[in-house]
Amino acid sequence: MIEVTEATNVQDGSVSELRGDAPAPEMTFIADEGGTTLSITIDTGRRQIVRAASHSGSADPRTIQVLDQFCLIIAGRPLQEAADHGAIYAASALPDLCAPISGIRTPRNAGPEFALAEHLVRNIHAQALKHFNVGHRDNAWYMRASTDWLAKNEAEQATVLKPIIADFLSKNGLTESDIWISGIDRGTRVTIAFSEGISYSLKPKLMMMIEQRLREETGDPFELFMEEVKDANKLRRL
């Protein structure tokens, strides 16, 4: 059953208050699946920031742990970001609860608890879009890296990332001469280069897997880019 209720209080420190604007009213949307309920309170401003999230109904310890983490992660983020990426962020935060996979982790292959979180939040997102008569919008929200990470220079950042990539390569039958970091821009835009021995068809999958591994290991929102190969002998290596 779907319920929509107006919240009576606006939490302190909301985005609108920080800008000096009048606080946006809040609304609570509720979704239920198989007896497990997710409740999300958002402000009614354009970004629909999640102000509170909670769940109830499940007696399964794994589901409770996943939904606890999920609710913690999505607080303070736009509802669309919660719907797009909240469940996979929860999976990244709880690797011991994820099913083993050989490729890219998604909420669907991480386990039924993560898939449930995704189903519930996307149900709520759909409710909100319908309620506010809003069509699909591109997700332009961007999570900043930690202050400590941004304070490091490029060489220091590379020193942290290189062992993570080296471990990934070793576990996948590759070496540091196959893939390496050639640049780091603005702290989170990591450019990597491939040797000529890596098939072009494999590069997109490898980039996604490395990007996911970096995010999981550090908690920072890295994006990977591929170096354009003009002369392999002149490619920069950090």
C-alpha atoms as a PDB file:
ATOM      1  CA  MET A   1       0.000   0.000   0.000  1.00  0.00           C
ATOM      2  CA  ILE A   2       1.227   3.501  -0.809  1.00  0.00           C
ATOM      3  CA  GLU A   3       0.942   6.254   1.753  1.00  0.00           C
ATOM      4  CA  VAL A   4       1.967   9.860   1.347  1.00  0.00           C
ATOM      5  CA  THR A   5       1.961  12.111   4.390  1.00  0.00           C
ATOM      6  CA  GLU A   6       3.137  15.639   4.965  1.00  0.00           C
ATOM      7  CA  ALA A   7       5.871  16.031   7.576  1.00  0.00           C
ATOM      8  CA  THR A   8       5.327  18.834  10.051  1.00  0.00           C
ATOM      9  CA  ASN A   9       8.912  19.771  10.854  1.00  0.00           C
ATOM     10  CA  VAL A  10      11.941  20.614   8.759  1.00  0.00           C
ATOM     11  CA  GLN A  11      15.210  19.273  10.118  1.00  0.00           C
ATOM     12  CA  ASP A  12      17.937  21.720  11.071  1.00  0.00           C
ATOM     13  CA  GLY A  13      20.768  22.197   8.599  1.00  0.00           C
ATOM     14  CA  SER A  14      18.786  21.542   5.441  1.00  0.00           C
ATOM     15  CA  VAL A  15      20.246  22.628   2.106  1.00  0.00           C
ATOM     16  CA  SER A  16      17.697  25.437   1.787  1.00  0.00           C
ATOM     17  CA  GLU A  17      18.574  26.749   5.247  1.00  0.00           C
ATOM     18  CA  LEU A  18      22.283  26.723   4.438  1.00  0.00           C
ATOM     19  CA  ARG A  19      21.549  28.881   1.379  1.00  0.00           C
ATOM     20  CA  GLY A  20      19.503  31.232   3.518  1.00  0.00           C
ATOM     21  CA  ASP A  21      16.255  30.330   1.743  1.00  0.00           C
ATOM     22  CA  ALA A  22      12.997  29.406   3.448  1.00  0.00           C
ATOM     23  CA  PRO A  23      13.023  25.697   4.369  1.00  0.00           C
ATOM     24  CA  ALA A  24      11.199  23.504   1.870  1.00  0.00           C
ATOM     25  CA  PRO A  25       8.196  21.545   3.207  1.00  0.00           C
ATOM     26  CA  GLU A  26       8.722  17.825   3.667  1.00  0.00           C
ATOM     27  CA  MET A  27       6.763  14.776   2.550  1.00  0.00           C
ATOM     28  CA  THR A  28       7.044  11.124   3.477  1.00  0.00           C
ATOM     29  CA  PHE A  29       6.603   8.336   0.934  1.00  0.00           C
ATOM     30  CA  ILE A  30       6.193   4.693   1.910  1.00  0.00           C
ATOM     31  CA  ALA A  31       6.688   1.488  -0.101  1.00  0.00           C
ATOM     32  CA  ASP A  32       6.097  -2.114   0.943  1.00  0.00           C
ATOM     33  CA  GLU A  33       7.285  -5.372  -0.580  1.00  0.00           C
ATOM     34  CA  GLY A  34       6.629  -8.755   0.999  1.00  0.00           C
ATOM     35  CA  GLY A  35       5.963  -7.220   4.391  1.00  0.00           C
ATOM     36  CA  THR A  36       9.138  -5.100   4.449  1.00  0.00           C
ATOM     37  CA  THR A  37       8.442  -1.382   4.488  1.00  0.00           C
ATOM     38  CA  LEU A  38      10.708   1.515   3.544  1.00  0.00           C
ATOM     39  CA  SER A  39       9.800   5.065   4.576  1.00  0.00           C
ATOM     40  CA  ILE A  40      11.619   8.063   3.107  1.00  0.00           C
ATOM     41  CA  THR A  41      11.045  11.699   4.021  1.00  0.00           C
ATOM     42  CA  ILE A  42      12.187  14.235   1.427  1.00  0.00           C
ATOM     43  CA  ASP A  43      12.037  17.977   1.149  1.00  0.00           C
ATOM     44  CA  THR A  44       9.789  19.152  -1.649  1.00  0.00           C
ATOM     45  CA  GLY A  45      12.386  21.364  -3.290  1.00  0.00           C
ATOM     46  CA  ARG A  46      13.598  20.629  -6.806  1.00  0.00           C
ATOM     47  CA  ARG A  47      16.347  18.246  -5.670  1.00  0.00           C
ATOM     48  CA  GLN A  48      14.095  16.311  -3.246  1.00  0.00           C
ATOM     49  CA  ILE A  49      16.817  15.751  -0.652  1.00  0.00           C
ATOM     50  CA  VAL A  50      16.309  12.722   1.593  1.00  0.00           C
ATOM     51  CA  ARG A  51      15.864  14.046   5.152  1.00  0.00           C
ATOM     52  CA  ALA A  52      15.123  10.743   6.878  1.00  0.00           C
ATOM     53  CA  ALA A  53      14.848   7.073   5.953  1.00  0.00           C
ATOM     54  CA  SER A  54      13.749   4.076   7.983  1.00  0.00           C
ATOM     55  CA  HIS A  55      12.496   0.545   7.487  1.00  0.00           C
ATOM     56  CA  SER A  56      10.364  -1.969   9.340  1.00  0.00           C
ATOM     57  CA  GLY A  57       8.735  -5.354   8.983  1.00  0.00           C
ATOM     58  CA  SER A  58      11.660  -7.663   8.235  1.00  0.00           C
ATOM     59  CA  ALA A  59      12.874 -10.166  10.823  1.00  0.00           C
ATOM     60  CA  ASP A  60      15.776 -11.376   8.655  1.00  0.00           C
ATOM     61  CA  PRO A  61      19.124 -10.245  10.165  1.00  0.00           C
ATOM     62  CA  ARG A  62      20.802  -9.804   6.759  1.00  0.00           C
ATOM     63  CA  THR A  63      17.927  -7.742   5.387  1.00  0.00           C
ATOM     64  CA  ILE A  64      17.908  -5.587   8.516  1.00  0.00           C
ATOM     65  CA  GLN A  65      21.664  -4.980   8.249  1.00  0.00           C
ATOM     66  CA  VAL A  66      21.453  -4.083   4.555  1.00  0.00           C
ATOM     67  CA  LEU A  67      18.490  -1.747   5.004  1.00  0.00           C
ATOM     68  CA  ASP A  68      20.102  -0.118   8.048  1.00  0.00           C
ATOM     69  CA  GLN A  69      23.174   0.657   5.939  1.00  0.00           C
ATOM     70  CA  PHE A  70      21.060   1.722   2.986  1.00  0.00           C
ATOM     71  CA  CYS A  71      19.040   4.206   5.074  1.00  0.00           C
ATOM     72  CA  LEU A  72      22.242   5.626   6.547  1.00  0.00           C
ATOM     73  CA  ILE A  73      23.836   6.087   3.117  1.00  0.00           C
ATOM     74  CA  ILE A  74      20.943   7.807   1.345  1.00  0.00           C
ATOM     75  CA  ALA A  75      20.296  10.436   4.036  1.00  0.00           C
ATOM     76  CA  GLY A  76      21.322  13.850   2.692  1.00  0.00           C
ATOM     77  CA  ARG A  77      21.332  12.755  -0.962  1.00  0.00           C
ATOM     78  CA  PRO A  78      18.755  13.582  -3.636  1.00  0.00           C
ATOM     79  CA  LEU A  79      16.004  10.964  -3.951  1.00  0.00           C
ATOM     80  CA  GLN A  80      16.999  10.286  -7.566  1.00  0.00           C
ATOM     81  CA  GLU A  81      20.570   9.557  -6.487  1.00  0.00           C
ATOM     82  CA  ALA A  82      19.229   7.226  -3.792  1.00  0.00           C
ATOM     83  CA  ALA A  83      17.143   5.409  -6.417  1.00  0.00           C
ATOM     84  CA  ASP A  84      19.983   5.251  -8.966  1.00  0.00           C
ATOM     85  CA  HIS A  85      22.892   4.280  -6.729  1.00  0.00           C
ATOM     86  CA  GLY A  86      21.835   3.813  -3.090  1.00  0.00           C
ATOM     87  CA  ALA A  87      21.629   0.012  -3.195  1.00  0.00           C
ATOM     88  CA  ILE A  88      25.005  -0.425  -4.893  1.00  0.00           C
ATOM     89  CA  TYR A  89      26.605   1.949  -2.377  1.00  0.00           C
ATOM     90  CA  ALA A  90      25.146  -0.263   0.361  1.00  0.00           C
ATOM     91  CA  ALA A  91      26.618  -3.324  -1.352  1.00  0.00           C
ATOM     92  CA  SER A  92      30.022  -1.615  -1.528  1.00  0.00           C
ATOM     93  CA  ALA A  93      29.801  -0.835   2.203  1.00  0.00           C
ATOM     94  CA  LEU A  94      28.894  -4.445   3.073  1.00  0.00           C
ATOM     95  CA  PRO A  95      31.123  -6.644   0.887  1.00  0.00           C
ATOM     96  CA  ASP A  96      30.920  -9.593   3.306  1.00  0.00           C
ATOM     97  CA  LEU A  97      27.166  -9.813   2.713  1.00  0.00           C
ATOM     98  CA  CYS A  98      27.468  -9.764  -1.081  1.00  0.00           C
ATOM     99  CA  ALA A  99      27.295 -12.908  -3.183  1.00  0.00           C
ATOM    100  CA  PRO A 100      30.613 -13.681  -4.931  1.00  0.00           C
ATOM    101  CA  ILE A 101      30.651 -12.612  -8.569  1.00  0.00           C
ATOM    102  CA  SER A 102      33.203 -12.584 -11.372  1.00  0.00           C
ATOM    103  CA  GLY A 103      32.130  -9.380 -13.082  1.00  0.00           C
ATOM    104  CA  ILE A 104      30.511  -6.048 -12.251  1.00  0.00           C
ATOM    105  CA  ARG A 105      28.563  -6.000  -9.003  1.00  0.00           C
ATOM    106  CA  THR A 106      24.968  -4.789  -9.150  1.00  0.00           C
ATOM    107  CA  PRO A 107      22.181  -4.835  -6.549  1.00  0.00           C
ATOM    108  CA  ARG A 108      20.576  -7.723  -8.458  1.00  0.00           C
ATOM    109  CA  ASN A 109      23.622 -10.000  -8.278  1.00  0.00           C
ATOM    110  CA  ALA A 110      24.845  -8.797  -4.868  1.00  0.00           C
ATOM    111  CA  GLY A 111      21.978 -10.578  -3.150  1.00  0.00           C
ATOM    112  CA  PRO A 112      18.200 -10.445  -2.595  1.00  0.00           C
ATOM    113  CA  GLU A 113      18.541  -7.983   0.294  1.00  0.00           C
ATOM    114  CA  PHE A 114      20.222  -5.397  -1.935  1.00  0.00           C
ATOM    115  CA  ALA A 115      17.721  -6.023  -4.744  1.00  0.00           C
ATOM    116  CA  LEU A 116      14.926  -5.446  -2.222  1.00  0.00           C
ATOM    117  CA  ALA A 117      16.422  -2.104  -1.180  1.00  0.00           C
ATOM    118  CA  GLU A 118      16.601  -1.061  -4.828  1.00  0.00           C
ATOM    119  CA  HIS A 119      13.005  -2.144  -5.546  1.00  0.00           C
ATOM    120  CA  LEU A 120      11.662  -0.243  -2.536  1.00  0.00           C
ATOM    121  CA  VAL A 121      13.527   3.014  -3.194  1.00  0.00           C
ATOM    122  CA  ARG A 122      12.676   2.987  -6.898  1.00  0.00           C
ATOM    123  CA  ASN A 123       9.033   2.451  -5.987  1.00  0.00           C
ATOM    124  CA  ILE A 124       9.231   5.541  -3.788  1.00  0.00           C
ATOM    125  CA  HIS A 125      11.048   7.533  -6.464  1.00  0.00           C
ATOM    126  CA  ALA A 126       8.301   6.640  -8.949  1.00  0.00           C
ATOM    127  CA  GLN A 127       5.686   7.751  -6.430  1.00  0.00           C
ATOM    128  CA  ALA A 128       7.428  11.092  -5.976  1.00  0.00           C
ATOM    129  CA  LEU A 129       7.739  11.708  -9.717  1.00  0.00           C
ATOM    130  CA  LYS A 130       4.038  11.005 -10.148  1.00  0.00           C
ATOM    131  CA  HIS A 131       3.018  13.090  -7.130  1.00  0.00           C
ATOM    132  CA  PHE A 132       5.011  16.132  -8.261  1.00  0.00           C
ATOM    133  CA  ASN A 133       4.186  15.524 -11.945  1.00  0.00           C
ATOM    134  CA  VAL A 134       7.875  15.449 -12.829  1.00  0.00           C
ATOM    135  CA  GLY A 135       9.308  13.568 -15.799  1.00  0.00           C
ATOM    136  CA  HIS A 136      12.658  11.824 -15.998  1.00  0.00           C
ATOM    137  CA  ARG A 137      15.675  14.026 -15.277  1.00  0.00           C
ATOM    138  CA  ASP A 138      19.357  13.245 -15.726  1.00  0.00           C
ATOM    139  CA  ASN A 139      21.084  12.612 -12.429  1.00  0.00           C
ATOM    140  CA  ALA A 140      23.557  15.494 -12.133  1.00  0.00           C
ATOM    141  CA  TRP A 141      24.322  14.998  -8.440  1.00  0.00           C
ATOM    142  CA  TYR A 142      27.992  14.464  -7.657  1.00  0.00           C
ATOM    143  CA  MET A 143      29.501  13.260  -4.409  1.00  0.00           C
ATOM    144  CA  ARG A 144      32.681  15.075  -3.430  1.00  0.00           C
ATOM    145  CA  ALA A 145      35.754  13.188  -2.325  1.00  0.00           C
ATOM    146  CA  SER A 146      36.838  13.443   1.294  1.00  0.00           C
ATOM    147  CA  THR A 147      38.765  16.514   2.419  1.00  0.00           C
ATOM    148  CA  ASP A 148      41.743  14.359   3.403  1.00  0.00           C
ATOM    149  CA  TRP A 149      41.914  12.873  -0.088  1.00  0.00           C
ATOM    150  CA  LEU A 150      41.649  16.213  -1.865  1.00  0.00           C
ATOM    151  CA  ALA A 151      44.469  17.577   0.308  1.00  0.00           C
ATOM    152  CA  LYS A 152      46.896  15.041  -1.223  1.00  0.00           C
ATOM    153  CA  ASN A 153      48.898  15.908  -4.332  1.00  0.00           C
ATOM    154  CA  GLU A 154      48.776  13.743  -7.439  1.00  0.00           C
ATOM    155  CA  ALA A 155      51.818  11.663  -6.488  1.00  0.00           C
ATOM    156  CA  GLU A 156      50.414  10.962  -3.014  1.00  0.00           C
ATOM    157  CA  GLN A 157      47.062   9.966  -4.475  1.00  0.00           C
ATOM    158  CA  ALA A 158      48.759   7.637  -6.950  1.00  0.00           C
ATOM    159  CA  THR A 159      50.698   6.016  -4.099  1.00  0.00           C
ATOM    160  CA  VAL A 160      47.390   5.072  -2.476  1.00  0.00           C
ATOM    161  CA  LEU A 161      45.666   3.881  -5.645  1.00  0.00           C
ATOM    162  CA  LYS A 162      48.483   1.905  -7.261  1.00  0.00           C
ATOM    163  CA  PRO A 163      48.507  -0.987  -4.721  1.00  0.00           C
ATOM    164  CA  ILE A 164      44.720  -1.353  -5.073  1.00  0.00           C
ATOM    165  CA  ILE A 165      45.014  -1.585  -8.852  1.00  0.00           C
ATOM    166  CA  ALA A 166      48.026  -3.907  -8.581  1.00  0.00           C
ATOM    167  CA  ASP A 167      46.044  -6.293  -6.381  1.00  0.00           C
ATOM    168  CA  PHE A 168      43.147  -6.241  -8.853  1.00  0.00           C
ATOM    169  CA  LEU A 169      45.509  -6.958 -11.747  1.00  0.00           C
ATOM    170  CA  SER A 170      47.187  -9.821  -9.917  1.00  0.00           C
ATOM    171  CA  LYS A 171      43.844 -11.472  -9.163  1.00  0.00           C
ATOM    172  CA  ASN A 172      42.853 -11.187 -12.821  1.00  0.00           C
ATOM    173  CA  GLY A 173      46.037 -12.542 -14.374  1.00  0.00           C
ATOM    174  CA  LEU A 174      47.396  -9.130 -15.379  1.00  0.00           C
ATOM    175  CA  THR A 175      50.416  -7.075 -14.403  1.00  0.00           C
ATOM    176  CA  GLU A 176      51.291  -3.415 -13.865  1.00  0.00           C
ATOM    177  CA  SER A 177      52.800  -3.380 -17.351  1.00  0.00           C
ATOM    178  CA  ASP A 178      49.317  -4.097 -18.758  1.00  0.00           C
ATOM    179  CA  ILE A 179      47.395  -1.272 -17.042  1.00  0.00           C
ATOM    180  CA  TRP A 180      48.685   1.762 -15.169  1.00  0.00           C
ATOM    181  CA  ILE A 181      47.687   5.218 -13.943  1.00  0.00           C
ATOM    182  CA  SER A 182      48.768   7.984 -16.295  1.00  0.00           C
ATOM    183  CA  GLY A 183      47.115  10.928 -14.553  1.00  0.00           C
ATOM    184  CA  ILE A 184      44.782  12.090 -11.781  1.00  0.00           C
ATOM    185  CA  ASP A 185      42.768  15.263 -12.294  1.00  0.00           C
ATOM    186  CA  ARG A 186      40.726  17.083  -9.630  1.00  0.00           C
ATOM    187  CA  GLY A 187      41.352  14.262  -7.206  1.00  0.00           C
ATOM    188  CA  THR A 188      38.852  11.748  -8.579  1.00  0.00           C
ATOM    189  CA  ARG A 189      39.244  11.725 -12.375  1.00  0.00           C
ATOM    190  CA  VAL A 190      41.734   8.895 -12.869  1.00  0.00           C
ATOM    191  CA  THR A 191      43.140   8.324 -16.344  1.00  0.00           C
ATOM    192  CA  ILE A 192      44.547   4.873 -17.006  1.00  0.00           C
ATOM    193  CA  ALA A 193      46.552   3.544 -19.912  1.00  0.00           C
ATOM    194  CA  PHE A 194      46.567   0.061 -21.448  1.00  0.00           C
ATOM    195  CA  SER A 195      49.370  -1.808 -23.082  1.00  0.00           C
ATOM    196  CA  GLU A 196      48.942  -2.899 -26.689  1.00  0.00           C
ATOM    197  CA  GLY A 197      48.412  -6.453 -25.439  1.00  0.00           C
ATOM    198  CA  ILE A 198      45.008  -5.658 -23.939  1.00  0.00           C
ATOM    199  CA  SER A 199      42.164  -6.245 -26.375  1.00  0.00           C
ATOM    200  CA  TYR A 200      40.043  -3.171 -27.035  1.00  0.00           C
ATOM    201  CA  SER A 201      36.887  -5.198 -26.352  1.00  0.00           C
ATOM    202  CA  LEU A 202      38.067  -5.901 -22.790  1.00  0.00           C
ATOM    203  CA  LYS A 203      38.936  -2.321 -21.878  1.00  0.00           C
ATOM    204  CA  PRO A 204      35.438  -1.012 -20.958  1.00  0.00           C
ATOM    205  CA  LYS A 205      34.768  -3.952 -18.616  1.00  0.00           C
ATOM    206  CA  LEU A 206      38.200  -3.675 -16.999  1.00  0.00           C
ATOM    207  CA  MET A 207      37.721   0.056 -16.469  1.00  0.00           C
ATOM    208  CA  MET A 208      34.349  -0.476 -14.776  1.00  0.00           C
ATOM    209  CA  MET A 209      35.775  -3.200 -12.544  1.00  0.00           C
ATOM    210  CA  ILE A 210      38.777  -1.090 -11.523  1.00  0.00           C
ATOM    211  CA  GLU A 211      36.569   1.952 -10.910  1.00  0.00           C
ATOM    212  CA  GLN A 212      34.298  -0.107  -8.664  1.00  0.00           C
ATOM    213  CA  ARG A 213      37.273  -1.554  -6.793  1.00  0.00           C
ATOM    214  CA  LEU A 214      38.745   1.914  -6.157  1.00  0.00           C
ATOM    215  CA  ARG A 215      35.419   3.199  -4.870  1.00  0.00           C
ATOM    216  CA  GLU A 216      34.950   0.190  -2.596  1.00  0.00           C
ATOM    217  CA  GLU A 217      38.464   0.365  -1.136  1.00  0.00           C
ATOM    218  CA  THR A 218      38.571   4.127  -0.543  1.00  0.00           C
ATOM    219  CA  GLY A 219      34.974   5.313  -0.247  1.00  0.00           C
ATOM    220  CA  ASP A 220      35.727   8.143  -2.698  1.00  0.00           C
ATOM    221  CA  PRO A 221      33.798   8.710  -5.977  1.00  0.00           C
ATOM    222  CA  PHE A 222      36.436   7.927  -8.595  1.00  0.00           C
ATOM    223  CA  GLU A 223      35.741   8.087 -12.314  1.00  0.00           C
ATOM    224  CA  LEU A 224      38.045   6.312 -14.746  1.00  0.00           C
ATOM    225  CA  PHE A 225      39.034   7.585 -18.173  1.00  0.00           C
ATOM    226  CA  MET A 226      41.117   5.904 -20.839  1.00  0.00           C
ATOM    227  CA  GLU A 227      44.291   7.474 -22.168  1.00  0.00           C
ATOM    228  CA  GLU A 228      44.239   8.019 -25.915  1.00  0.00           C
ATOM    229  CA  VAL A 229      47.077   6.028 -27.359  1.00  0.00           C
ATOM    230  CA  LYS A 230      49.124   7.913 -29.926  1.00  0.00           C
ATOM    231  CA  ASP A 231      52.584   6.649 -29.101  1.00  0.00           C
ATOM    232  CA  ALA A 232      52.712   3.958 -26.416  1.00  0.00           C
ATOM    233  CA  ASN A 233      56.336   4.810 -25.670  1.00  0.00           C
ATOM    234  CA  LYS A 234      55.339   8.360 -24.688  1.00  0.00           C
ATOM    235  CA  LEU A 235      52.447   7.471 -22.356  1.00  0.00           C
ATOM    236  CA  ARG A 236      52.833   9.004 -18.906  1.00  0.00           C
ATOM    237  CA  ARG A 237      53.070   6.652 -15.944  1.00  0.00           C
ATOM    238  CA  LEU A 238      52.625   7.710 -12.295  1.00  0.00           C
END
